[in-house]
Amino acid sequence: MANLTKLDAFQLDVLREVGNIGAGHAATALSQLIQKNIDMRVPQVNIIPFDEIAEFVGGPEEVVVSVFLRVEGDCPGNMFFIIDLPSARNMLTELLGLEQKDEEEPMSEIEVSALREIGNILAGSYLSSLADFTQLAMQPSVPSLAIDMAGALLSHGLTQLGQVGDYALTIDTLFFEGSEAVQGHFSLIPDPGSFEKLFTSLGVPFDGNY
């Protein structure tokens, strides 16, 4: 099994560029949706073992908001947009102008719908950028949203699907509206064999010896 955590700087730069293009598309779509000037940046891209994703987003017991969808086509896999609960509430306040609520108060239907749409736009933009770069056909399923501990969400969501890849492509995403910044985490978990297709189509060497 290739050790994808040992990709070199060039390979990660290629993935970061795809992420930045996706973030640009997502920022444009969100700006049009909410009539505000939104900027997005991708400060960091990593390939991490699947079982470390929960730690990457704050730990297995961290309560997070997760938008999940399935990717079908030439490079099938699973996609998550994960953001911790305080950041999600801050995003709703800063980006959408919704009233700040007590942390213990459950989210309203409007808030859940807004977060699902933001996750959908983000995931769709990143997926579209990957498809354009790679010339691979990749179609997203209808997204679902859940609020729970990161470990529970990841294990439950993916074990229901059966076969899951060993690694995840993780893209940190910073949202800016004015001087305020909110961070989220985007993760693409290709099915076994899909990473090789992805790297090969990007023109990045993939020989299984990383």
Foldseek 3Di string as FASTA:
>chain_A
DFDQQPDDPVLQVLVQVLLQQLQVQLQVVLCVVQVARKHKHWPDKGKDFPVCVLVVQPHQQFKWKKKKKWKDFPWTFIKIKIAGQVLLLVCCCQSRVDDRDDSVDDDDPVSLVVVNVSRVSSVVSSVVSLCVLLVTDIDIDRIDMDIGGNNVCSVVVVVVVPAWAGIKIKTWMWMDGPNDIGIIIMITTTGPPSVVSSCVSNVHDDDSHD
